[in-house]
Amino acid sequence: MGPLLFLLYINDLPVVTAKNAKVVLYADDTSLIIASTNYTEFVTKLNNVLLDVQEWFRDNLLFLNLNKTTYLQFLTKRAKNSI
């Protein structure tokens, strides 16, 4: 019953980040996918998503475990050369 209640509890997280990121929920793991062809736009979206998620966590009396949080950025060769 615990995992089901957890999923119900975090079910509204994707709504909070809908305009800037896609949220993938799997068990107790959450992935935020932010896509952009422009680096400046990407950074802006990333910052907005992080602020939205931080506010959501605060409103729901949760905290983000920074020891279990990672950031991964994928770039094409062309994009990598233009940054």
PDB file of N, CA and C in Angstrom:
ATOM      1  N   MET A   1       0.821  -1.195   0.000  1.00  0.00           N
ATOM      2  CA  MET A   1       0.000   0.000   0.000  1.00  0.00           C
ATOM      3  C   MET A   1       0.869   1.265   0.000  1.00  0.00           C
ATOM      4  N   GLY A   2       2.035   1.207   0.625  1.00  0.00           N
ATOM      5  CA  GLY A   2       2.930   2.360   0.710  1.00  0.00           C
ATOM      6  C   GLY A   2       3.305   2.948  -0.641  1.00  0.00           C
ATOM      7  N   PRO A   3       3.785   2.115  -1.608  1.00  0.00           N
ATOM      8  CA  PRO A   3       4.142   2.660  -2.915  1.00  0.00           C
ATOM      9  C   PRO A   3       2.965   3.309  -3.634  1.00  0.00           C
ATOM     10  N   LEU A   4       1.783   2.744  -3.503  1.00  0.00           N
ATOM     11  CA  LEU A   4       0.602   3.326  -4.142  1.00  0.00           C
ATOM     12  C   LEU A   4       0.291   4.700  -3.560  1.00  0.00           C
ATOM     13  N   LEU A   5       0.360   4.823  -2.252  1.00  0.00           N
ATOM     14  CA  LEU A   5       0.110   6.117  -1.616  1.00  0.00           C
ATOM     15  C   LEU A   5       1.173   7.137  -2.019  1.00  0.00           C
ATOM     16  N   PHE A   6       2.427   6.691  -2.136  1.00  0.00           N
ATOM     17  CA  PHE A   6       3.497   7.588  -2.579  1.00  0.00           C
ATOM     18  C   PHE A   6       3.203   8.111  -3.981  1.00  0.00           C
ATOM     19  N   LEU A   7       2.796   7.218  -4.893  1.00  0.00           N
ATOM     20  CA  LEU A   7       2.491   7.639  -6.262  1.00  0.00           C
ATOM     21  C   LEU A   7       1.317   8.619  -6.298  1.00  0.00           C
ATOM     22  N   LEU A   8       0.323   8.378  -5.481  1.00  0.00           N
ATOM     23  CA  LEU A   8      -0.799   9.309  -5.414  1.00  0.00           C
ATOM     24  C   LEU A   8      -0.344  10.666  -4.866  1.00  0.00           C
ATOM     25  N   TYR A   9       0.579  10.639  -3.924  1.00  0.00           N
ATOM     26  CA  TYR A   9       1.068  11.861  -3.295  1.00  0.00           C
ATOM     27  C   TYR A   9       1.842  12.727  -4.290  1.00  0.00           C
ATOM     28  N   ILE A  10       2.657  12.110  -5.145  1.00  0.00           N
ATOM     29  CA  ILE A  10       3.477  12.887  -6.079  1.00  0.00           C
ATOM     30  C   ILE A  10       2.858  12.997  -7.470  1.00  0.00           C
ATOM     31  N   ASN A  11       1.644  12.537  -7.629  1.00  0.00           N
ATOM     32  CA  ASN A  11       1.004  12.500  -8.934  1.00  0.00           C
ATOM     33  C   ASN A  11       0.860  13.871  -9.588  1.00  0.00           C
ATOM     34  N   ASP A  12       0.820  14.945  -8.827  1.00  0.00           N
ATOM     35  CA  ASP A  12       0.657  16.271  -9.412  1.00  0.00           C
ATOM     36  C   ASP A  12       1.978  16.941  -9.770  1.00  0.00           C
ATOM     37  N   LEU A  13       3.105  16.336  -9.500  1.00  0.00           N
ATOM     38  CA  LEU A  13       4.398  16.919  -9.856  1.00  0.00           C
ATOM     39  C   LEU A  13       4.523  17.207 -11.350  1.00  0.00           C
ATOM     40  N   PRO A  14       4.108  16.307 -12.251  1.00  0.00           N
ATOM     41  CA  PRO A  14       4.211  16.620 -13.682  1.00  0.00           C
ATOM     42  C   PRO A  14       3.419  17.855 -14.101  1.00  0.00           C
ATOM     43  N   VAL A  15       2.352  18.163 -13.413  1.00  0.00           N
ATOM     44  CA  VAL A  15       1.548  19.343 -13.747  1.00  0.00           C
ATOM     45  C   VAL A  15       2.338  20.615 -13.465  1.00  0.00           C
ATOM     46  N   VAL A  16       3.130  20.601 -12.413  1.00  0.00           N
ATOM     47  CA  VAL A  16       3.902  21.775 -12.005  1.00  0.00           C
ATOM     48  C   VAL A  16       4.956  22.141 -13.047  1.00  0.00           C
ATOM     49  N   THR A  17       5.546  21.135 -13.686  1.00  0.00           N
ATOM     50  CA  THR A  17       6.652  21.376 -14.621  1.00  0.00           C
ATOM     51  C   THR A  17       6.252  21.204 -16.080  1.00  0.00           C
ATOM     52  N   ALA A  18       4.976  21.126 -16.370  1.00  0.00           N
ATOM     53  CA  ALA A  18       4.493  20.765 -17.709  1.00  0.00           C
ATOM     54  C   ALA A  18       4.984  21.680 -18.817  1.00  0.00           C
ATOM     55  N   LYS A  19       5.121  22.978 -18.571  1.00  0.00           N
ATOM     56  CA  LYS A  19       5.483  23.883 -19.667  1.00  0.00           C
ATOM     57  C   LYS A  19       6.967  23.863 -20.005  1.00  0.00           C
ATOM     58  N   ASN A  20       7.816  23.395 -19.098  1.00  0.00           N
ATOM     59  CA  ASN A  20       9.260  23.425 -19.341  1.00  0.00           C
ATOM     60  C   ASN A  20       9.940  22.067 -19.362  1.00  0.00           C
ATOM     61  N   ALA A  21       9.251  21.025 -18.883  1.00  0.00           N
ATOM     62  CA  ALA A  21       9.913  19.724 -18.795  1.00  0.00           C
ATOM     63  C   ALA A  21       8.893  18.601 -18.855  1.00  0.00           C
ATOM     64  N   LYS A  22       9.386  17.452 -19.266  1.00  0.00           N
ATOM     65  CA  LYS A  22       8.587  16.239 -19.201  1.00  0.00           C
ATOM     66  C   LYS A  22       9.047  15.476 -17.963  1.00  0.00           C
ATOM     67  N   VAL A  23       8.096  15.005 -17.196  1.00  0.00           N
ATOM     68  CA  VAL A  23       8.417  14.276 -15.973  1.00  0.00           C
ATOM     69  C   VAL A  23       8.122  12.798 -16.188  1.00  0.00           C
ATOM     70  N   VAL A  24       9.091  11.971 -15.838  1.00  0.00           N
ATOM     71  CA  VAL A  24       8.928  10.527 -15.923  1.00  0.00           C
ATOM     72  C   VAL A  24       8.988   9.989 -14.499  1.00  0.00           C
ATOM     73  N   LEU A  25       7.878   9.393 -14.055  1.00  0.00           N
ATOM     74  CA  LEU A  25       7.795   8.824 -12.717  1.00  0.00           C
ATOM     75  C   LEU A  25       7.852   7.304 -12.824  1.00  0.00           C
ATOM     76  N   TYR A  26       8.740   6.696 -12.053  1.00  0.00           N
ATOM     77  CA  TYR A  26       8.826   5.236 -12.014  1.00  0.00           C
ATOM     78  C   TYR A  26       9.141   4.836 -10.578  1.00  0.00           C
ATOM     79  N   ALA A  27       8.201   4.187  -9.942  1.00  0.00           N
ATOM     80  CA  ALA A  27       8.328   3.808  -8.528  1.00  0.00           C
ATOM     81  C   ALA A  27       8.682   5.055  -7.724  1.00  0.00           C
ATOM     82  N   ASP A  28       9.828   5.058  -7.041  1.00  0.00           N
ATOM     83  CA  ASP A  28      10.198   6.244  -6.276  1.00  0.00           C
ATOM     84  C   ASP A  28      11.275   7.071  -6.977  1.00  0.00           C
ATOM     85  N   ASP A  29      11.475   6.841  -8.264  1.00  0.00           N
ATOM     86  CA  ASP A  29      12.426   7.615  -9.057  1.00  0.00           C
ATOM     87  C   ASP A  29      11.679   8.606  -9.938  1.00  0.00           C
ATOM     88  N   THR A  30      12.247   9.778 -10.078  1.00  0.00           N
ATOM     89  CA  THR A  30      11.660  10.818 -10.913  1.00  0.00           C
ATOM     90  C   THR A  30      12.742  11.366 -11.828  1.00  0.00           C
ATOM     91  N   SER A  31      12.421  11.468 -13.116  1.00  0.00           N
ATOM     92  CA  SER A  31      13.334  12.072 -14.077  1.00  0.00           C
ATOM     93  C   SER A  31      12.651  13.274 -14.704  1.00  0.00           C
ATOM     94  N   LEU A  32      13.394  14.355 -14.822  1.00  0.00           N
ATOM     95  CA  LEU A  32      12.912  15.552 -15.487  1.00  0.00           C
ATOM     96  C   LEU A  32      13.663  15.675 -16.800  1.00  0.00           C
ATOM     97  N   ILE A  33      12.948  15.738 -17.903  1.00  0.00           N
ATOM     98  CA  ILE A  33      13.577  15.825 -19.219  1.00  0.00           C
ATOM     99  C   ILE A  33      13.299  17.204 -19.785  1.00  0.00           C
ATOM    100  N   ILE A  34      14.377  17.933 -20.053  1.00  0.00           N
ATOM    101  CA  ILE A  34      14.285  19.286 -20.588  1.00  0.00           C
ATOM    102  C   ILE A  34      15.005  19.280 -21.926  1.00  0.00           C
ATOM    103  N   ALA A  35      14.306  19.686 -22.970  1.00  0.00           N
ATOM    104  CA  ALA A  35      14.901  19.674 -24.311  1.00  0.00           C
ATOM    105  C   ALA A  35      14.870  21.074 -24.904  1.00  0.00           C
ATOM    106  N   SER A  36      15.962  21.435 -25.562  1.00  0.00           N
ATOM    107  CA  SER A  36      16.044  22.721 -26.239  1.00  0.00           C
ATOM    108  C   SER A  36      17.201  22.692 -27.223  1.00  0.00           C
ATOM    109  N   THR A  37      17.048  23.395 -28.319  1.00  0.00           N
ATOM    110  CA  THR A  37      18.136  23.493 -29.299  1.00  0.00           C
ATOM    111  C   THR A  37      19.008  24.712 -29.036  1.00  0.00           C
ATOM    112  N   ASN A  38      18.592  25.574 -28.123  1.00  0.00           N
ATOM    113  CA  ASN A  38      19.321  26.785 -27.799  1.00  0.00           C
ATOM    114  C   ASN A  38      19.818  26.692 -26.359  1.00  0.00           C
ATOM    115  N   TYR A  39      21.118  26.888 -26.148  1.00  0.00           N
ATOM    116  CA  TYR A  39      21.701  26.713 -24.813  1.00  0.00           C
ATOM    117  C   TYR A  39      21.111  27.690 -23.800  1.00  0.00           C
ATOM    118  N   THR A  40      20.947  28.938 -24.189  1.00  0.00           N
ATOM    119  CA  THR A  40      20.389  29.941 -23.277  1.00  0.00           C
ATOM    120  C   THR A  40      18.969  29.577 -22.876  1.00  0.00           C
ATOM    121  N   GLU A  41      18.184  29.128 -23.847  1.00  0.00           N
ATOM    122  CA  GLU A  41      16.810  28.694 -23.564  1.00  0.00           C
ATOM    123  C   GLU A  41      16.819  27.471 -22.638  1.00  0.00           C
ATOM    124  N   PHE A  42      17.757  26.558 -22.868  1.00  0.00           N
ATOM    125  CA  PHE A  42      17.877  25.376 -22.020  1.00  0.00           C
ATOM    126  C   PHE A  42      18.146  25.766 -20.569  1.00  0.00           C
ATOM    127  N   VAL A  43      19.083  26.664 -20.368  1.00  0.00           N
ATOM    128  CA  VAL A  43      19.432  27.098 -19.008  1.00  0.00           C
ATOM    129  C   VAL A  43      18.235  27.786 -18.352  1.00  0.00           C
ATOM    130  N   THR A  44      17.523  28.606 -19.101  1.00  0.00           N
ATOM    131  CA  THR A  44      16.334  29.277 -18.572  1.00  0.00           C
ATOM    132  C   THR A  44      15.279  28.254 -18.166  1.00  0.00           C
ATOM    133  N   LYS A  45      15.011  27.273 -19.042  1.00  0.00           N
ATOM    134  CA  LYS A  45      14.039  26.226 -18.720  1.00  0.00           C
ATOM    135  C   LYS A  45      14.477  25.433 -17.498  1.00  0.00           C
ATOM    136  N   LEU A  46      15.741  25.082 -17.438  1.00  0.00           N
ATOM    137  CA  LEU A  46      16.273  24.312 -16.311  1.00  0.00           C
ATOM    138  C   LEU A  46      16.079  25.066 -15.002  1.00  0.00           C
ATOM    139  N   ASN A  47      16.425  26.334 -14.989  1.00  0.00           N
ATOM    140  CA  ASN A  47      16.259  27.129 -13.773  1.00  0.00           C
ATOM    141  C   ASN A  47      14.789  27.249 -13.379  1.00  0.00           C
ATOM    142  N   ASN A  48      13.910  27.448 -14.350  1.00  0.00           N
ATOM    143  CA  ASN A  48      12.476  27.539 -14.059  1.00  0.00           C
ATOM    144  C   ASN A  48      11.940  26.229 -13.490  1.00  0.00           C
ATOM    145  N   VAL A  49      12.361  25.117 -14.077  1.00  0.00           N
ATOM    146  CA  VAL A  49      11.917  23.808 -13.589  1.00  0.00           C
ATOM    147  C   VAL A  49      12.411  23.572 -12.172  1.00  0.00           C
ATOM    148  N   LEU A  50      13.665  23.887 -11.909  1.00  0.00           N
ATOM    149  CA  LEU A  50      14.205  23.683 -10.568  1.00  0.00           C
ATOM    150  C   LEU A  50      13.490  24.555  -9.539  1.00  0.00           C
ATOM    151  N   LEU A  51      13.151  25.772  -9.903  1.00  0.00           N
ATOM    152  CA  LEU A  51      12.394  26.633  -8.992  1.00  0.00           C
ATOM    153  C   LEU A  51      10.993  26.081  -8.756  1.00  0.00           C
ATOM    154  N   ASP A  52      10.347  25.605  -9.823  1.00  0.00           N
ATOM    155  CA  ASP A  52       9.007  25.020  -9.691  1.00  0.00           C
ATOM    156  C   ASP A  52       9.039  23.773  -8.810  1.00  0.00           C
ATOM    157  N   VAL A  53      10.032  22.926  -9.019  1.00  0.00           N
ATOM    158  CA  VAL A  53      10.146  21.692  -8.230  1.00  0.00           C
ATOM    159  C   VAL A  53      10.467  22.022  -6.771  1.00  0.00           C
ATOM    160  N   GLN A  54      11.349  22.988  -6.557  1.00  0.00           N
ATOM    161  CA  GLN A  54      11.676  23.398  -5.198  1.00  0.00           C
ATOM    162  C   GLN A  54      10.427  23.900  -4.474  1.00  0.00           C
ATOM    163  N   GLU A  55       9.619  24.704  -5.143  1.00  0.00           N
ATOM    164  CA  GLU A  55       8.376  25.201  -4.542  1.00  0.00           C
ATOM    165  C   GLU A  55       7.401  24.061  -4.267  1.00  0.00           C
ATOM    166  N   TRP A  56       7.295  23.114  -5.215  1.00  0.00           N
ATOM    167  CA  TRP A  56       6.403  21.966  -5.032  1.00  0.00           C
ATOM    168  C   TRP A  56       6.833  21.145  -3.816  1.00  0.00           C
ATOM    169  N   PHE A  57       8.144  20.904  -3.695  1.00  0.00           N
ATOM    170  CA  PHE A  57       8.647  20.155  -2.541  1.00  0.00           C
ATOM    171  C   PHE A  57       8.307  20.880  -1.247  1.00  0.00           C
ATOM    172  N   ARG A  58       8.539  22.187  -1.221  1.00  0.00           N
ATOM    173  CA  ARG A  58       8.253  22.957  -0.013  1.00  0.00           C
ATOM    174  C   ARG A  58       6.765  22.911   0.331  1.00  0.00           C
ATOM    175  N   ASP A  59       5.910  23.089  -0.675  1.00  0.00           N
ATOM    176  CA  ASP A  59       4.460  23.071  -0.446  1.00  0.00           C
ATOM    177  C   ASP A  59       3.966  21.718   0.057  1.00  0.00           C
ATOM    178  N   ASN A  60       4.644  20.645  -0.339  1.00  0.00           N
ATOM    179  CA  ASN A  60       4.230  19.294   0.053  1.00  0.00           C
ATOM    180  C   ASN A  60       5.032  18.731   1.229  1.00  0.00           C
ATOM    181  N   LEU A  61       5.787  19.609   1.883  1.00  0.00           N
ATOM    182  CA  LEU A  61       6.571  19.240   3.062  1.00  0.00           C
ATOM    183  C   LEU A  61       7.534  18.087   2.784  1.00  0.00           C
ATOM    184  N   LEU A  62       8.165  18.128   1.622  1.00  0.00           N
ATOM    185  CA  LEU A  62       9.156  17.121   1.228  1.00  0.00           C
ATOM    186  C   LEU A  62      10.509  17.796   1.066  1.00  0.00           C
ATOM    187  N   PHE A  63      11.544  16.998   0.954  1.00  0.00           N
ATOM    188  CA  PHE A  63      12.866  17.537   0.673  1.00  0.00           C
ATOM    189  C   PHE A  63      13.536  16.682  -0.392  1.00  0.00           C
ATOM    190  N   LEU A  64      14.429  17.310  -1.113  1.00  0.00           N
ATOM    191  CA  LEU A  64      15.175  16.643  -2.171  1.00  0.00           C
ATOM    192  C   LEU A  64      16.494  16.149  -1.598  1.00  0.00           C
ATOM    193  N   ASN A  65      16.758  14.861  -1.731  1.00  0.00           N
ATOM    194  CA  ASN A  65      18.002  14.288  -1.239  1.00  0.00           C
ATOM    195  C   ASN A  65      19.098  14.576  -2.269  1.00  0.00           C
ATOM    196  N   LEU A  66      19.924  15.560  -1.983  1.00  0.00           N
ATOM    197  CA  LEU A  66      20.964  15.967  -2.937  1.00  0.00           C
ATOM    198  C   LEU A  66      22.028  14.899  -3.137  1.00  0.00           C
ATOM    199  N   ASN A  67      22.181  13.992  -2.187  1.00  0.00           N
ATOM    200  CA  ASN A  67      23.148  12.899  -2.353  1.00  0.00           C
ATOM    201  C   ASN A  67      22.687  11.882  -3.384  1.00  0.00           C
ATOM    202  N   LYS A  68      21.392  11.843  -3.667  1.00  0.00           N
ATOM    203  CA  LYS A  68      20.848  10.901  -4.646  1.00  0.00           C
ATOM    204  C   LYS A  68      20.385  11.598  -5.927  1.00  0.00           C
ATOM    205  N   THR A  69      20.710  12.868  -6.057  1.00  0.00           N
ATOM    206  CA  THR A  69      20.272  13.647  -7.206  1.00  0.00           C
ATOM    207  C   THR A  69      21.434  13.819  -8.179  1.00  0.00           C
ATOM    208  N   THR A  70      21.172  13.541  -9.442  1.00  0.00           N
ATOM    209  CA  THR A  70      22.211  13.710 -10.464  1.00  0.00           C
ATOM    210  C   THR A  70      21.668  14.543 -11.614  1.00  0.00           C
ATOM    211  N   TYR A  71      22.586  15.082 -12.374  1.00  0.00           N
ATOM    212  CA  TYR A  71      22.275  15.917 -13.527  1.00  0.00           C
ATOM    213  C   TYR A  71      23.063  15.358 -14.705  1.00  0.00           C
ATOM    214  N   LEU A  72      22.401  15.179 -15.810  1.00  0.00           N
ATOM    215  CA  LEU A  72      23.052  14.626 -16.992  1.00  0.00           C
ATOM    216  C   LEU A  72      22.584  15.412 -18.202  1.00  0.00           C
ATOM    217  N   GLN A  73      23.528  15.872 -18.997  1.00  0.00           N
ATOM    218  CA  GLN A  73      23.194  16.651 -20.186  1.00  0.00           C
ATOM    219  C   GLN A  73      23.721  15.926 -21.419  1.00  0.00           C
ATOM    220  N   PHE A  74      22.840  15.770 -22.405  1.00  0.00           N
ATOM    221  CA  PHE A  74      23.215  15.156 -23.668  1.00  0.00           C
ATOM    222  C   PHE A  74      23.316  16.245 -24.727  1.00  0.00           C
ATOM    223  N   LEU A  75      24.393  16.216 -25.508  1.00  0.00           N
ATOM    224  CA  LEU A  75      24.595  17.183 -26.581  1.00  0.00           C
ATOM    225  C   LEU A  75      24.982  16.458 -27.860  1.00  0.00           C
ATOM    226  N   THR A  76      24.568  17.013 -28.980  1.00  0.00           N
ATOM    227  CA  THR A  76      25.069  16.512 -30.254  1.00  0.00           C
ATOM    228  C   THR A  76      26.446  17.121 -30.483  1.00  0.00           C
ATOM    229  N   LYS A  77      27.203  16.575 -31.396  1.00  0.00           N
ATOM    230  CA  LYS A  77      28.540  17.124 -31.677  1.00  0.00           C
ATOM    231  C   LYS A  77      28.459  18.575 -32.132  1.00  0.00           C
ATOM    232  N   ARG A  78      27.474  18.868 -32.953  1.00  0.00           N
ATOM    233  CA  ARG A  78      27.304  20.225 -33.456  1.00  0.00           C
ATOM    234  C   ARG A  78      26.973  21.200 -32.311  1.00  0.00           C
ATOM    235  N   ALA A  79      26.083  20.791 -31.429  1.00  0.00           N
ATOM    236  CA  ALA A  79      25.711  21.623 -30.297  1.00  0.00           C
ATOM    237  C   ALA A  79      26.877  21.801 -29.339  1.00  0.00           C
ATOM    238  N   LYS A  80      27.655  20.751 -29.160  1.00  0.00           N
ATOM    239  CA  LYS A  80      28.784  20.805 -28.258  1.00  0.00           C
ATOM    240  C   LYS A  80      29.812  21.830 -28.733  1.00  0.00           C
ATOM    241  N   ASN A  81      30.011  21.933 -30.029  1.00  0.00           N
ATOM    242  CA  ASN A  81      30.983  22.869 -30.589  1.00  0.00           C
ATOM    243  C   ASN A  81      30.502  24.318 -30.526  1.00  0.00           C
ATOM    244  N   SER A  82      29.199  24.535 -30.433  1.00  0.00           N
ATOM    245  CA  SER A  82      28.682  25.898 -30.443  1.00  0.00           C
ATOM    246  C   SER A  82      28.558  26.507 -29.052  1.00  0.00           C
ATOM    247  N   ILE A  83      28.797  25.711 -28.009  1.00  0.00           N
ATOM    248  CA  ILE A  83      28.678  26.237 -26.629  1.00  0.00           C
ATOM    249  C   ILE A  83      29.986  26.855 -26.197  1.00  0.00           C
TER     250      ILE A  83
END
